Protein backbone atom coordinates (compact mmCIF):
# COMPACT_ATOMS: atom_id res chain seq x y z
CA MET A 1 5.56 15.61 11.85
CA SER A 2 7.75 14.88 14.86
CA LYS A 3 11.52 14.43 14.57
CA THR A 4 12.12 10.83 13.50
CA GLY A 5 15.16 8.64 14.02
CA VAL A 6 15.88 5.45 12.08
CA TRP A 7 17.72 2.71 13.95
CA ILE A 8 18.88 -0.01 11.55
CA VAL A 9 19.99 -3.44 12.72
CA GLY A 10 22.74 -4.30 10.26
CA ALA A 11 23.54 -0.60 9.76
CA ARG A 12 26.84 -1.24 7.96
CA GLY A 13 25.33 -3.74 5.52
CA ASN A 14 24.69 -3.05 1.85
CA VAL A 15 20.95 -2.35 2.09
CA ALA A 16 21.23 -0.10 5.14
CA THR A 17 24.19 1.78 3.70
CA THR A 18 22.42 2.36 0.39
CA ALA A 19 19.33 3.64 2.21
CA ILE A 20 21.44 6.04 4.28
CA VAL A 21 23.42 7.23 1.24
CA GLY A 22 20.18 7.69 -0.68
CA ALA A 23 18.49 9.70 2.05
CA ARG A 24 21.48 12.00 2.49
CA ALA A 25 21.96 12.33 -1.28
CA ILE A 26 18.32 13.44 -1.59
CA ALA A 27 18.93 15.93 1.21
CA HIS A 28 21.94 17.37 -0.66
CA GLY A 29 20.15 17.45 -4.02
CA GLU A 30 22.44 14.73 -5.39
CA ALA A 31 19.65 12.19 -6.05
CA ASP A 32 15.94 12.05 -6.71
CA THR A 33 13.25 9.78 -5.23
CA THR A 34 12.99 7.24 -8.06
CA GLY A 35 12.07 3.84 -6.56
CA MET A 36 10.27 5.29 -3.53
CA VAL A 37 6.58 4.40 -3.32
CA THR A 38 5.97 7.29 -0.92
CA ALA A 39 7.22 9.78 -3.53
CA ARG A 40 4.21 9.21 -5.81
CA GLU A 41 0.50 9.62 -5.30
CA PRO A 42 -1.44 8.89 -3.28
CA CYS A 43 1.24 8.39 -0.60
CA SER A 44 2.97 11.65 -1.52
CA ARG A 45 -0.13 13.50 -0.28
CA LEU A 46 0.29 12.09 3.23
CA ASP A 47 1.97 14.17 5.94
CA LEU A 48 5.02 11.91 6.14
CA PRO A 49 8.35 12.69 7.81
CA SER A 50 10.67 14.14 5.20
CA VAL A 51 13.47 11.91 3.96
CA GLU A 52 15.89 14.79 4.31
CA ARG A 53 15.33 15.09 8.07
CA LEU A 54 15.64 11.42 9.03
CA ILE A 55 18.42 10.77 11.57
CA PHE A 56 20.22 7.42 11.25
CA GLY A 57 21.93 5.12 13.75
CA GLY A 58 22.06 1.40 14.34
CA HIS A 59 23.64 -1.83 15.48
CA ASP A 60 26.17 -3.95 13.65
CA ILE A 61 28.60 -6.77 14.37
CA ARG A 62 31.27 -5.65 11.89
CA ARG A 63 33.95 -3.01 12.42
CA THR A 64 33.96 -1.71 8.86
CA SER A 65 32.43 1.75 8.46
CA VAL A 66 29.35 2.86 6.54
CA LEU A 67 31.64 4.93 4.35
CA GLU A 68 33.80 1.89 3.55
CA THR A 69 30.71 -0.14 2.65
CA ALA A 70 29.47 2.69 0.41
CA ARG A 71 32.82 2.90 -1.37
CA THR A 72 32.84 -0.86 -1.94
CA LEU A 73 29.34 -0.65 -3.37
CA SER A 74 30.35 2.24 -5.61
CA GLU A 75 32.95 0.02 -7.29
CA ASN A 76 29.92 -1.66 -8.90
CA GLY A 77 28.26 1.67 -9.65
CA ILE A 78 25.62 1.59 -6.90
CA PRO A 79 25.88 4.37 -5.74
CA SER A 80 28.28 6.41 -7.86
CA ARG A 81 31.61 7.48 -6.38
CA GLU A 82 30.54 11.12 -6.83
CA THR A 83 27.42 10.54 -4.72
CA VAL A 84 29.44 8.86 -1.97
CA ASP A 85 31.90 11.75 -1.92
CA ALA A 86 29.04 14.24 -1.66
CA VAL A 87 27.69 12.60 1.50
CA ARG A 88 31.00 11.48 3.03
CA GLU A 89 30.75 13.67 6.12
CA ASP A 90 27.15 12.57 6.70
CA LEU A 91 28.19 8.91 6.59
CA GLU A 92 31.00 9.53 9.04
CA ALA A 93 28.50 11.14 11.42
CA VAL A 94 26.16 8.16 11.11
CA ASP A 95 29.01 5.78 11.88
CA GLU A 96 29.52 7.53 15.22
CA ARG A 97 25.96 6.49 16.08
CA ILE A 98 26.41 2.76 15.41
CA GLU A 99 26.75 0.42 18.40
CA VAL A 100 27.89 -3.19 18.75
CA GLY A 101 25.01 -5.60 18.15
CA THR A 102 24.26 -9.23 18.96
CA ALA A 103 24.41 -12.29 16.71
CA VAL A 104 22.69 -14.70 19.10
CA ASN A 105 21.05 -17.56 17.19
CA CYS A 106 21.79 -15.99 13.82
CA GLY A 107 23.53 -19.14 12.58
CA ASN A 108 27.19 -19.99 12.05
CA ALA A 109 27.35 -18.12 8.74
CA VAL A 110 26.52 -14.82 10.44
CA THR A 111 28.67 -15.54 13.48
CA ASP A 112 31.64 -16.14 11.18
CA LEU A 113 31.19 -12.65 9.71
CA ALA A 114 31.13 -10.97 13.13
CA ASP A 115 34.09 -8.88 14.26
CA GLU A 116 32.52 -8.23 17.67
CA THR A 117 29.22 -8.85 19.45
CA LEU A 118 27.54 -7.92 22.71
CA ARG A 119 29.10 -9.95 25.55
CA GLU A 120 26.36 -9.49 28.13
CA PRO A 121 26.01 -12.46 30.52
CA SER A 122 22.31 -13.19 29.90
CA VAL A 123 19.52 -12.67 27.38
CA GLU A 124 17.90 -10.10 29.65
CA ASP A 125 21.18 -8.18 29.85
CA VAL A 126 21.50 -8.20 26.05
CA VAL A 127 17.98 -6.79 25.73
CA GLU A 128 18.66 -4.14 28.36
CA GLN A 129 21.80 -3.02 26.50
CA ILE A 130 19.83 -2.77 23.25
CA ARG A 131 17.14 -0.70 24.99
CA SER A 132 19.86 1.53 26.45
CA ASP A 133 21.30 2.07 22.95
CA TYR A 134 17.86 3.07 21.65
CA ARG A 135 17.36 5.49 24.55
CA SER A 136 20.78 7.10 24.10
CA PHE A 137 20.15 7.58 20.38
CA ALA A 138 16.83 9.30 21.09
CA ARG A 139 18.24 11.49 23.85
CA GLU A 140 21.44 12.57 22.11
CA ASN A 141 19.63 13.49 18.90
CA ASP A 142 16.54 15.05 20.52
CA LEU A 143 14.24 12.59 18.74
CA ASP A 144 10.50 12.31 19.24
CA ARG A 145 10.35 8.85 17.71
CA ILE A 146 12.62 5.98 16.67
CA VAL A 147 11.63 3.46 14.02
CA VAL A 148 13.70 0.27 14.39
CA VAL A 149 14.34 -1.58 11.12
CA ASN A 150 15.85 -5.06 10.98
CA ALA A 151 18.01 -5.21 7.84
CA ALA A 152 20.51 -7.78 9.14
CA SER A 153 21.40 -11.06 7.42
CA SER A 154 18.79 -13.82 7.48
CA GLU A 155 18.63 -16.05 10.55
CA PRO A 156 17.77 -19.76 10.48
CA PRO A 157 14.03 -20.41 11.02
CA LEU A 158 12.96 -20.72 14.64
CA SER A 159 11.80 -24.21 15.59
CA ASN A 160 8.52 -24.39 17.53
CA PRO A 161 7.77 -20.66 17.57
CA GLU A 162 4.49 -21.55 19.31
CA ARG A 163 6.52 -21.68 22.53
CA TYR A 164 6.44 -17.88 22.52
CA ASP A 165 2.79 -17.35 21.63
CA THR A 166 2.10 -15.17 24.66
CA LEU A 167 3.92 -12.21 26.14
CA SER A 168 4.31 -13.98 29.47
CA ALA A 169 5.87 -16.96 27.70
CA PHE A 170 8.33 -14.73 25.82
CA GLU A 171 9.32 -12.76 28.91
CA GLY A 172 9.55 -15.98 30.90
CA ALA A 173 11.93 -17.36 28.27
CA MET A 174 14.10 -14.27 28.61
CA ALA A 175 14.14 -14.62 32.39
CA ASP A 176 15.14 -18.28 31.99
CA ASP A 177 17.96 -17.25 29.61
CA ASP A 178 16.39 -19.27 26.80
CA SER A 179 19.18 -20.03 24.33
CA ASP A 180 16.75 -20.37 21.38
CA LEU A 181 15.55 -16.77 21.30
CA PRO A 182 16.85 -15.19 18.05
CA ALA A 183 18.50 -11.80 17.80
CA SER A 184 15.76 -10.37 15.54
CA SER A 185 13.13 -11.01 18.21
CA LEU A 186 15.31 -9.53 20.96
CA TYR A 187 15.72 -6.34 18.93
CA ALA A 188 11.96 -6.34 18.31
CA TYR A 189 11.12 -6.81 21.99
CA ALA A 190 13.53 -4.03 23.00
CA ALA A 191 11.74 -1.69 20.59
CA LEU A 192 8.13 -2.66 21.29
CA VAL A 193 8.44 -2.74 25.09
CA ASP A 194 9.41 0.95 25.03
CA GLY A 195 6.80 1.93 22.44
CA ARG A 196 9.10 2.13 19.43
CA PRO A 197 7.75 1.07 15.98
CA TYR A 198 9.49 -1.94 14.43
CA VAL A 199 9.87 -3.14 10.83
CA ASN A 200 11.31 -6.54 9.92
CA PHE A 201 12.83 -6.18 6.44
CA THR A 202 14.21 -9.74 6.54
CA PRO A 203 12.93 -13.36 6.58
CA SER A 204 14.03 -13.65 10.23
CA THR A 205 11.48 -14.16 13.00
CA GLY A 206 11.43 -10.60 14.30
CA SER A 207 8.06 -9.53 15.72
CA ALA A 208 6.14 -12.44 14.19
CA LEU A 209 5.97 -14.32 17.51
CA GLY A 210 2.56 -14.27 19.19
CA GLY A 211 4.03 -12.84 22.37
CA LEU A 212 5.49 -9.86 20.49
CA VAL A 213 2.27 -9.28 18.56
CA GLU A 214 0.58 -9.17 21.97
CA LEU A 215 3.20 -6.73 23.27
CA ALA A 216 2.73 -4.39 20.30
CA ASP A 217 -1.04 -4.39 20.80
CA LYS A 218 -0.68 -3.86 24.53
CA ASN A 219 1.68 -0.89 24.13
CA GLY A 220 -0.09 0.58 21.10
CA VAL A 221 2.90 0.27 18.76
CA PRO A 222 2.79 -0.29 14.97
CA HIS A 223 4.96 -3.05 13.52
CA MET A 224 5.14 -5.02 10.27
CA GLY A 225 7.19 -7.56 8.28
CA ARG A 226 8.47 -9.80 6.92
CA ASP A 227 11.05 -10.21 4.15
CA ALA A 228 10.95 -7.28 1.73
CA LYS A 229 9.71 -8.08 -1.76
CA THR A 230 12.21 -6.53 -4.18
CA GLY A 231 13.03 -8.81 -7.12
CA GLU A 232 11.92 -12.21 -8.39
CA THR A 233 9.12 -12.54 -5.82
CA LEU A 234 7.84 -9.08 -6.73
CA VAL A 235 7.49 -10.26 -10.33
CA LYS A 236 5.83 -13.49 -9.19
CA SER A 237 3.21 -11.66 -7.15
CA ALA A 238 2.37 -9.51 -10.19
CA LEU A 239 2.51 -12.29 -12.80
CA ALA A 240 0.86 -15.24 -11.04
CA PRO A 241 -2.55 -13.46 -10.78
CA MET A 242 -2.57 -13.27 -14.60
CA PHE A 243 -2.48 -17.06 -14.86
CA ALA A 244 -5.13 -17.43 -12.15
CA SER A 245 -7.47 -14.81 -13.64
CA ARG A 246 -7.22 -16.29 -17.14
CA ASN A 247 -7.82 -19.81 -15.75
CA LEU A 248 -4.50 -21.05 -17.15
CA ARG A 249 -3.34 -24.02 -15.10
CA VAL A 250 0.26 -23.69 -13.92
CA ARG A 251 1.94 -27.08 -13.81
CA SER A 252 5.37 -25.98 -12.60
CA TRP A 253 7.19 -22.81 -11.61
CA GLU A 254 10.93 -23.21 -11.25
CA GLY A 255 12.99 -20.28 -9.98
CA HIS A 256 16.78 -20.11 -9.83
CA ASN A 257 18.45 -17.15 -8.09
CA ILE A 258 22.12 -16.21 -7.95
CA LEU A 259 23.57 -13.31 -5.96
CA GLY A 260 27.01 -12.28 -4.87
CA ASN A 261 26.93 -10.03 -1.82
CA ALA A 262 27.24 -10.85 1.89
CA ASP A 263 23.62 -12.00 1.94
CA GLY A 264 24.44 -14.52 -0.75
CA GLU A 265 27.39 -15.74 1.28
CA VAL A 266 25.20 -16.16 4.38
CA LEU A 267 22.56 -18.01 2.36
CA GLU A 268 25.17 -20.59 1.37
CA ASP A 269 24.50 -22.00 4.82
CA GLU A 270 21.50 -24.34 4.59
CA GLU A 271 20.13 -23.22 7.97
CA ASN A 272 20.04 -19.56 6.97
CA GLU A 273 18.83 -20.37 3.48
CA ALA A 274 15.81 -22.29 4.83
CA GLY A 275 14.15 -19.14 6.17
CA LYS A 276 14.61 -17.30 2.88
CA LEU A 277 13.23 -20.17 0.82
CA GLU A 278 10.20 -20.35 3.09
CA THR A 279 9.17 -16.75 2.42
CA LYS A 280 10.05 -16.84 -1.31
CA GLY A 281 8.30 -20.12 -2.00
CA GLY A 282 5.04 -19.40 -0.22
CA VAL A 283 3.82 -16.58 -2.48
CA LEU A 284 2.61 -18.78 -5.35
CA GLU A 285 0.57 -21.08 -3.11
CA GLY A 286 -1.33 -18.01 -1.96
CA ILE A 287 -2.32 -17.08 -5.53
CA LEU A 288 -2.53 -20.20 -7.74
CA ASP A 289 -5.02 -23.04 -7.39
CA GLY A 290 -4.37 -26.77 -7.60
CA ASP A 291 -1.25 -28.84 -7.25
CA PHE A 292 1.85 -27.71 -9.10
CA HIS A 293 5.61 -28.09 -8.84
CA ASN A 294 7.07 -25.05 -7.10
CA ARG A 295 10.78 -24.83 -6.38
CA VAL A 296 13.14 -21.97 -5.61
CA ARG A 297 16.93 -22.17 -5.56
CA ILE A 298 19.39 -19.60 -4.25
CA ASP A 299 23.09 -19.86 -5.06
CA TYR A 300 26.06 -17.70 -4.16
CA ALA A 301 28.04 -16.30 -7.09
CA PRO A 302 30.78 -13.99 -5.72
CA PRO A 303 31.56 -12.13 -9.00
CA LEU A 304 28.01 -10.69 -9.03
CA ALA A 305 28.82 -8.56 -5.95
CA ASP A 306 25.66 -6.57 -5.11
CA TRP A 307 23.80 -7.69 -8.22
CA LYS A 308 21.35 -10.57 -8.39
CA THR A 309 19.87 -12.54 -11.26
CA ALA A 310 16.77 -14.72 -11.28
CA TRP A 311 15.72 -17.06 -14.07
CA ASP A 312 12.21 -18.50 -13.95
CA ASP A 313 10.67 -21.26 -16.07
CA ILE A 314 6.86 -21.56 -15.99
CA ARG A 315 4.98 -24.49 -17.60
CA PHE A 316 1.21 -24.14 -17.93
CA ASP A 317 -1.86 -25.66 -19.64
CA GLY A 318 -4.33 -23.72 -21.76
CA PHE A 319 -7.50 -24.47 -23.75
CA LEU A 320 -7.81 -28.01 -25.13
CA GLY A 321 -4.97 -29.09 -22.88
CA THR A 322 -2.42 -27.12 -24.87
CA ARG A 323 0.90 -27.12 -23.07
CA MET A 324 2.81 -23.85 -23.09
CA LYS A 325 5.70 -22.17 -21.32
CA MET A 326 6.95 -18.78 -20.24
CA GLN A 327 10.44 -17.79 -19.13
CA PHE A 328 11.82 -14.56 -17.75
CA THR A 329 15.11 -13.23 -16.42
CA TRP A 330 15.31 -10.57 -13.74
CA GLU A 331 18.57 -8.77 -13.04
CA GLY A 332 18.99 -5.91 -10.63
CA SER A 333 21.03 -4.37 -7.85
CA ASP A 334 19.92 -5.93 -4.60
CA SER A 335 20.58 -2.80 -2.55
CA ALA A 336 19.21 -0.27 -5.05
CA LEU A 337 15.92 -2.21 -5.16
CA ALA A 338 15.67 -2.61 -1.40
CA ALA A 339 16.95 0.71 -0.01
CA PRO A 340 14.07 2.97 -1.12
CA LEU A 341 11.63 0.54 0.47
CA VAL A 342 13.42 0.93 3.81
CA LEU A 343 12.80 4.68 3.57
CA ASP A 344 9.18 4.13 2.50
CA LEU A 345 8.46 1.80 5.40
CA VAL A 346 10.06 4.12 7.94
CA ARG A 347 7.95 7.04 6.72
CA LEU A 348 4.70 5.07 6.63
CA VAL A 349 5.19 3.39 10.01
CA ALA A 350 6.12 6.72 11.58
CA PHE A 351 2.94 8.19 10.07
CA ALA A 352 0.86 5.37 11.60
CA ASP A 353 2.56 5.80 14.97
CA GLU A 354 1.93 9.55 14.95
CA ARG A 355 -1.78 8.80 14.57
CA GLY A 356 -1.98 6.05 17.16
CA GLU A 357 -2.49 3.26 14.63
CA SER A 358 -1.02 0.33 16.52
CA GLY A 359 -0.39 -3.35 15.87
CA LEU A 360 0.13 -4.95 12.46
CA GLN A 361 -0.15 -2.64 9.45
CA PRO A 362 -1.89 -4.58 6.63
CA GLN A 363 -1.73 -1.60 4.26
CA LEU A 364 2.00 -2.32 3.97
CA ALA A 365 1.52 -5.87 2.65
CA SER A 366 2.81 -4.98 -0.84
CA PHE A 367 6.29 -4.43 0.60
CA PHE A 368 6.70 -8.00 1.92
CA LYS A 369 6.94 -11.58 0.69
CA GLN A 370 5.24 -12.88 3.83
CA PRO A 371 3.21 -9.93 5.17
CA LEU A 372 2.20 -10.54 8.77
CA GLY A 373 -1.55 -10.80 9.26
CA VAL A 374 -2.30 -10.72 5.51
CA ASP A 375 -3.11 -13.80 3.41
CA GLU A 376 -3.51 -11.91 0.11
CA HIS A 377 -0.42 -12.19 -2.14
CA ASP A 378 -1.80 -10.63 -5.34
CA LEU A 379 0.38 -7.54 -5.79
CA SER A 380 -2.33 -5.39 -7.37
CA LEU A 381 -4.73 -6.13 -4.51
CA GLN A 382 -1.98 -5.40 -1.99
CA PHE A 383 -1.35 -2.05 -3.70
CA ASP A 384 -5.09 -1.37 -3.50
CA ARG A 385 -4.83 -1.65 0.30
CA LEU A 386 -2.14 1.00 0.37
CA ARG A 387 -4.02 3.32 -1.99
CA GLU A 388 -7.20 2.98 0.04
CA TYR A 389 -5.28 3.69 3.23
CA ALA A 390 -3.63 6.80 1.79
CA ASN A 391 -6.88 8.05 0.26
CA SER A 392 -8.73 7.58 3.56
CA HIS A 393 -6.20 9.86 5.25
CA THR A 394 -6.36 12.54 2.57
CA GLY A 395 -10.12 12.64 2.18
CA GLU A 396 -10.12 11.19 -1.33
């Protein structure tokens, strides 16, 4: 496998930092691969780039360092202080490879968090600077491939995305200095136009626009998103098929989420929250039949720090109209759940790119709340896609 670089947008954030710490801790023998889908069969039989050899860089709009973020996270035990100390020099080296990013159209909540942003005079200039950063990263680290991962805070939803349904429309908008183009799509364009695989780990628009899908197909580049499925929605996509298969009629599914990290703070803004609610709320409609009440709430609770809690109340009808209920509570570390998936997606997208498998990657649907190009939300069926894909490449 060729030498692979990982360029993370939001590189000093909690998820990115935890992924970087995890990869380097594995390399130093300080951690194992628990939580990584690619570490178990059948994916483990694929010729994937090794976690230990991944080279990290990225963009961010904050001046804090990766090491500082890791130490803040360790105060809540994720990761341990001993693990952070073991990879300290590695984190310092990664920080030298992080460049100033853009927060264009990311919403006021993200802008307020920014210490510095790209000050290029036009959209095209911003994109050219991003492309230059990618090129420098590849050249200075002798990389054969860069996988760009968007792990930045959620943007507000893009109004009328149909405006950018073709590549000519998207590039025309850039030339016209269109003020509505979001940062996630600019990062995606900068990657895809130069043949670099792209993964959108967030609810933001990213490569979902028709013009960028066209660009990826034209240039033969794999890409996938959007919004990684790590907690409450993961449980929903596993549990809802049970009700559907047993012909139990769900009358209401109420979900209440609280989280305390920077993402929670950003989601306090209604504009940014709208995109997250859209991807979280749409899973059940793709699995359950009939009309039912479906509501998701997300609230910021600062004392939780990197932890998140979800409480769900499900009301359903059974035989003879018997009314029943089910409730569950999910509590986990946001970053510890998400970080291994970043590493999984990088490895699998790099594998696809190595083999010339371009465009959307439906075998990766199980990783996302709103998988591009895939209407199936049943988690077991999504996992079947990945197993079949891996088996087809290993002759099983």
